[in-house]
Amino acid sequence: MNKTGLFLLGCLWLAGCHAVPEQQLTGADRDSRGCIGSAGYTWSAARQACLRVWEEGIRLTAPGTDAACFVVLSADGTRAELFLPVKIKPVLLRRGFTPQGPYWSRPAADWRLERLPQGWKLWHNGGLAYQAPNPAAD
């Protein structure tokens, strides 16, 4: 074998020894709570579990648009968690009662979720932001 052939063989051998970066597999991206973001899971403080909000939450839409948010209720119903398209962190609300039915809000009073016979209504700073009709009321 001539020098050129040995040189090319040496280059191929060295190229084979070069470390190839390990590819991250889908589902191998667990966050600090163990939720797999690439599979659509996010942490819910209301449920204390990883979940897919579109599977387990209540879908509310903004009037006259396709914009949607999701509400996840705690198992005992005392907390409601808002997963909003414009917020980075979910908003946690606490339950209260009125003669019309239960509602959930937070001390800042900027969000108020109501469960009425005709469906769900989510208010932000006094204005209707999202709603979902009660299927049984149709």
C-alpha atoms as a PDB file:
ATOM      1  CA  MET A   1       0.000   0.000   0.000  1.00  0.00           C
ATOM      2  CA  ASN A   2       1.389   3.410  -0.881  1.00  0.00           C
ATOM      3  CA  LYS A   3       1.622   6.443   1.398  1.00  0.00           C
ATOM      4  CA  THR A   4      -1.573   8.001   0.037  1.00  0.00           C
ATOM      5  CA  GLY A   5      -3.547   4.832   0.744  1.00  0.00           C
ATOM      6  CA  LEU A   6      -2.144   4.635   4.291  1.00  0.00           C
ATOM      7  CA  PHE A   7      -2.973   8.281   4.843  1.00  0.00           C
ATOM      8  CA  LEU A   8      -6.597   7.786   3.702  1.00  0.00           C
ATOM      9  CA  LEU A   9      -6.928   4.641   5.810  1.00  0.00           C
ATOM     10  CA  GLY A  10      -5.613   6.559   8.840  1.00  0.00           C
ATOM     11  CA  CYS A  11      -8.098   9.380   8.228  1.00  0.00           C
ATOM     12  CA  LEU A  12     -10.986   6.921   8.031  1.00  0.00           C
ATOM     13  CA  TRP A  13      -9.853   5.222  11.219  1.00  0.00           C
ATOM     14  CA  LEU A  14      -9.628   8.571  13.049  1.00  0.00           C
ATOM     15  CA  ALA A  15     -13.024   9.641  11.725  1.00  0.00           C
ATOM     16  CA  GLY A  16     -14.525   6.433  13.107  1.00  0.00           C
ATOM     17  CA  CYS A  17     -13.058   7.199  16.531  1.00  0.00           C
ATOM     18  CA  HIS A  18     -14.596  10.658  16.594  1.00  0.00           C
ATOM     19  CA  ALA A  19     -17.319  10.790  19.246  1.00  0.00           C
ATOM     20  CA  VAL A  20     -20.765  11.346  17.769  1.00  0.00           C
ATOM     21  CA  PRO A  21     -22.993  13.413  20.063  1.00  0.00           C
ATOM     22  CA  GLU A  22     -25.699  11.313  21.655  1.00  0.00           C
ATOM     23  CA  GLN A  23     -29.152  12.185  20.367  1.00  0.00           C
ATOM     24  CA  GLN A  24     -31.834  12.832  22.951  1.00  0.00           C
ATOM     25  CA  LEU A  25     -34.715  10.427  22.579  1.00  0.00           C
ATOM     26  CA  THR A  26     -38.282  11.675  22.600  1.00  0.00           C
ATOM     27  CA  GLY A  27     -39.594  11.315  26.129  1.00  0.00           C
ATOM     28  CA  ALA A  28     -36.144  11.611  27.690  1.00  0.00           C
ATOM     29  CA  ASP A  29     -36.714  15.250  28.619  1.00  0.00           C
ATOM     30  CA  ARG A  30     -38.179  14.963  32.106  1.00  0.00           C
ATOM     31  CA  ASP A  31     -38.345  18.221  34.016  1.00  0.00           C
ATOM     32  CA  SER A  32     -37.592  18.675  37.722  1.00  0.00           C
ATOM     33  CA  ARG A  33     -40.993  17.196  38.646  1.00  0.00           C
ATOM     34  CA  GLY A  34     -40.684  14.234  36.269  1.00  0.00           C
ATOM     35  CA  CYS A  35     -43.067  15.547  33.579  1.00  0.00           C
ATOM     36  CA  ILE A  36     -42.167  14.694  29.979  1.00  0.00           C
ATOM     37  CA  GLY A  37     -42.633  17.896  28.005  1.00  0.00           C
ATOM     38  CA  SER A  38     -42.059  16.342  24.574  1.00  0.00           C
ATOM     39  CA  ALA A  39     -45.024  14.036  25.257  1.00  0.00           C
ATOM     40  CA  GLY A  40     -47.223  17.007  26.209  1.00  0.00           C
ATOM     41  CA  TYR A  41     -47.132  16.542  29.976  1.00  0.00           C
ATOM     42  CA  THR A  42     -46.992  19.517  32.322  1.00  0.00           C
ATOM     43  CA  TRP A  43     -47.104  19.804  36.103  1.00  0.00           C
ATOM     44  CA  SER A  44     -50.442  20.631  37.705  1.00  0.00           C
ATOM     45  CA  ALA A  45     -50.264  22.132  41.193  1.00  0.00           C
ATOM     46  CA  ALA A  46     -54.010  21.532  41.621  1.00  0.00           C
ATOM     47  CA  ARG A  47     -53.674  17.792  40.961  1.00  0.00           C
ATOM     48  CA  GLN A  48     -50.082  17.383  42.192  1.00  0.00           C
ATOM     49  CA  ALA A  49     -49.362  15.317  39.082  1.00  0.00           C
ATOM     50  CA  CYS A  50     -48.082  15.471  35.520  1.00  0.00           C
ATOM     51  CA  LEU A  51     -50.929  15.640  33.018  1.00  0.00           C
ATOM     52  CA  ARG A  52     -51.941  16.685  29.540  1.00  0.00           C
ATOM     53  CA  VAL A  53     -54.242  19.654  30.088  1.00  0.00           C
ATOM     54  CA  TRP A  54     -56.169  19.092  26.847  1.00  0.00           C
ATOM     55  CA  GLU A  55     -57.042  15.550  27.969  1.00  0.00           C
ATOM     56  CA  GLU A  56     -57.926  16.180  31.612  1.00  0.00           C
ATOM     57  CA  GLY A  57     -58.887  19.841  31.672  1.00  0.00           C
ATOM     58  CA  ILE A  58     -62.047  21.729  30.812  1.00  0.00           C
ATOM     59  CA  ARG A  59     -61.649  23.632  27.533  1.00  0.00           C
ATOM     60  CA  LEU A  60     -62.872  27.224  27.533  1.00  0.00           C
ATOM     61  CA  THR A  61     -62.797  29.481  24.472  1.00  0.00           C
ATOM     62  CA  ALA A  62     -62.579  33.243  24.140  1.00  0.00           C
ATOM     63  CA  PRO A  63     -65.864  34.678  22.818  1.00  0.00           C
ATOM     64  CA  GLY A  64     -65.739  35.198  19.066  1.00  0.00           C
ATOM     65  CA  THR A  65     -62.292  33.607  18.600  1.00  0.00           C
ATOM     66  CA  ASP A  66     -60.573  30.229  18.482  1.00  0.00           C
ATOM     67  CA  ALA A  67     -58.314  31.115  21.449  1.00  0.00           C
ATOM     68  CA  ALA A  68     -58.650  28.565  24.238  1.00  0.00           C
ATOM     69  CA  CYS A  69     -57.504  27.945  27.773  1.00  0.00           C
ATOM     70  CA  PHE A  70     -57.868  24.910  30.003  1.00  0.00           C
ATOM     71  CA  VAL A  71     -59.048  24.578  33.600  1.00  0.00           C
ATOM     72  CA  VAL A  72     -57.970  21.678  35.815  1.00  0.00           C
ATOM     73  CA  LEU A  73     -59.807  21.106  39.092  1.00  0.00           C
ATOM     74  CA  SER A  74     -58.240  19.455  42.115  1.00  0.00           C
ATOM     75  CA  ALA A  75     -59.721  16.104  43.134  1.00  0.00           C
ATOM     76  CA  ASP A  76     -61.695  17.716  45.982  1.00  0.00           C
ATOM     77  CA  GLY A  77     -62.723  20.725  43.858  1.00  0.00           C
ATOM     78  CA  THR A  78     -61.239  23.308  46.221  1.00  0.00           C
ATOM     79  CA  ARG A  79     -58.681  24.554  43.677  1.00  0.00           C
ATOM     80  CA  ALA A  80     -58.852  25.379  39.998  1.00  0.00           C
ATOM     81  CA  GLU A  81     -55.757  25.848  37.877  1.00  0.00           C
ATOM     82  CA  LEU A  82     -55.822  27.970  34.719  1.00  0.00           C
ATOM     83  CA  PHE A  83     -53.557  27.054  31.822  1.00  0.00           C
ATOM     84  CA  LEU A  84     -53.680  30.173  29.661  1.00  0.00           C
ATOM     85  CA  PRO A  85     -52.207  30.637  26.183  1.00  0.00           C
ATOM     86  CA  VAL A  86     -50.731  34.031  27.124  1.00  0.00           C
ATOM     87  CA  LYS A  87     -49.296  33.174  30.540  1.00  0.00           C
ATOM     88  CA  ILE A  88     -46.054  31.351  31.210  1.00  0.00           C
ATOM     89  CA  LYS A  89     -47.065  30.034  34.623  1.00  0.00           C
ATOM     90  CA  PRO A  90     -50.477  28.534  35.377  1.00  0.00           C
ATOM     91  CA  VAL A  91     -52.775  30.519  37.690  1.00  0.00           C
ATOM     92  CA  LEU A  92     -54.077  28.792  40.831  1.00  0.00           C
ATOM     93  CA  LEU A  93     -57.524  29.769  42.168  1.00  0.00           C
ATOM     94  CA  ARG A  94     -59.366  28.885  45.401  1.00  0.00           C
ATOM     95  CA  ARG A  95     -63.053  27.945  45.676  1.00  0.00           C
ATOM     96  CA  GLY A  96     -65.840  30.029  47.187  1.00  0.00           C
ATOM     97  CA  PHE A  97     -69.637  29.852  47.020  1.00  0.00           C
ATOM     98  CA  THR A  98     -72.512  32.121  46.014  1.00  0.00           C
ATOM     99  CA  PRO A  99     -76.239  31.332  45.775  1.00  0.00           C
ATOM    100  CA  GLN A 100     -75.720  30.902  42.007  1.00  0.00           C
ATOM    101  CA  GLY A 101     -73.058  28.232  42.513  1.00  0.00           C
ATOM    102  CA  PRO A 102     -69.365  27.734  43.167  1.00  0.00           C
ATOM    103  CA  TYR A 103     -66.654  30.071  41.934  1.00  0.00           C
ATOM    104  CA  TRP A 104     -62.862  30.080  42.099  1.00  0.00           C
ATOM    105  CA  SER A 105     -60.685  33.181  42.453  1.00  0.00           C
ATOM    106  CA  ARG A 106     -57.435  34.391  43.937  1.00  0.00           C
ATOM    107  CA  PRO A 107     -56.662  37.199  46.380  1.00  0.00           C
ATOM    108  CA  ALA A 108     -55.504  39.500  43.577  1.00  0.00           C
ATOM    109  CA  ALA A 109     -59.127  39.267  42.301  1.00  0.00           C
ATOM    110  CA  ASP A 110     -57.969  39.508  38.690  1.00  0.00           C
ATOM    111  CA  TRP A 111     -59.316  36.058  37.709  1.00  0.00           C
ATOM    112  CA  ARG A 112     -62.693  34.574  38.622  1.00  0.00           C
ATOM    113  CA  LEU A 113     -63.988  31.243  37.353  1.00  0.00           C
ATOM    114  CA  GLU A 114     -67.707  30.524  37.702  1.00  0.00           C
ATOM    115  CA  ARG A 115     -69.589  27.274  37.263  1.00  0.00           C
ATOM    116  CA  LEU A 116     -73.133  28.197  36.319  1.00  0.00           C
ATOM    117  CA  PRO A 117     -76.060  26.032  35.175  1.00  0.00           C
ATOM    118  CA  GLN A 118     -75.500  27.241  31.601  1.00  0.00           C
ATOM    119  CA  GLY A 119     -71.759  26.458  31.694  1.00  0.00           C
ATOM    120  CA  TRP A 120     -68.360  27.808  32.704  1.00  0.00           C
ATOM    121  CA  LYS A 121     -67.346  31.466  32.597  1.00  0.00           C
ATOM    122  CA  LEU A 122     -63.869  32.843  33.248  1.00  0.00           C
ATOM    123  CA  TRP A 123     -63.601  36.539  34.018  1.00  0.00           C
ATOM    124  CA  HIS A 124     -60.402  38.581  33.898  1.00  0.00           C
ATOM    125  CA  ASN A 125     -60.404  42.027  35.542  1.00  0.00           C
ATOM    126  CA  GLY A 126     -64.212  42.097  35.368  1.00  0.00           C
ATOM    127  CA  GLY A 127     -64.519  41.203  31.664  1.00  0.00           C
ATOM    128  CA  LEU A 128     -65.554  37.849  30.213  1.00  0.00           C
ATOM    129  CA  ALA A 129     -62.357  36.241  28.894  1.00  0.00           C
ATOM    130  CA  TYR A 130     -63.346  32.590  28.235  1.00  0.00           C
ATOM    131  CA  GLN A 131     -66.436  30.423  28.425  1.00  0.00           C
ATOM    132  CA  ALA A 132     -67.728  26.906  27.794  1.00  0.00           C
ATOM    133  CA  PRO A 133     -71.393  25.948  27.515  1.00  0.00           C
ATOM    134  CA  ASN A 134     -72.808  23.186  29.661  1.00  0.00           C
ATOM    135  CA  PRO A 135     -73.554  20.304  27.234  1.00  0.00           C
ATOM    136  CA  ALA A 136     -76.503  19.247  29.417  1.00  0.00           C
ATOM    137  CA  ALA A 137     -78.089  22.711  29.014  1.00  0.00           C
ATOM    138  CA  ASP A 138     -78.421  22.310  25.216  1.00  0.00           C
END
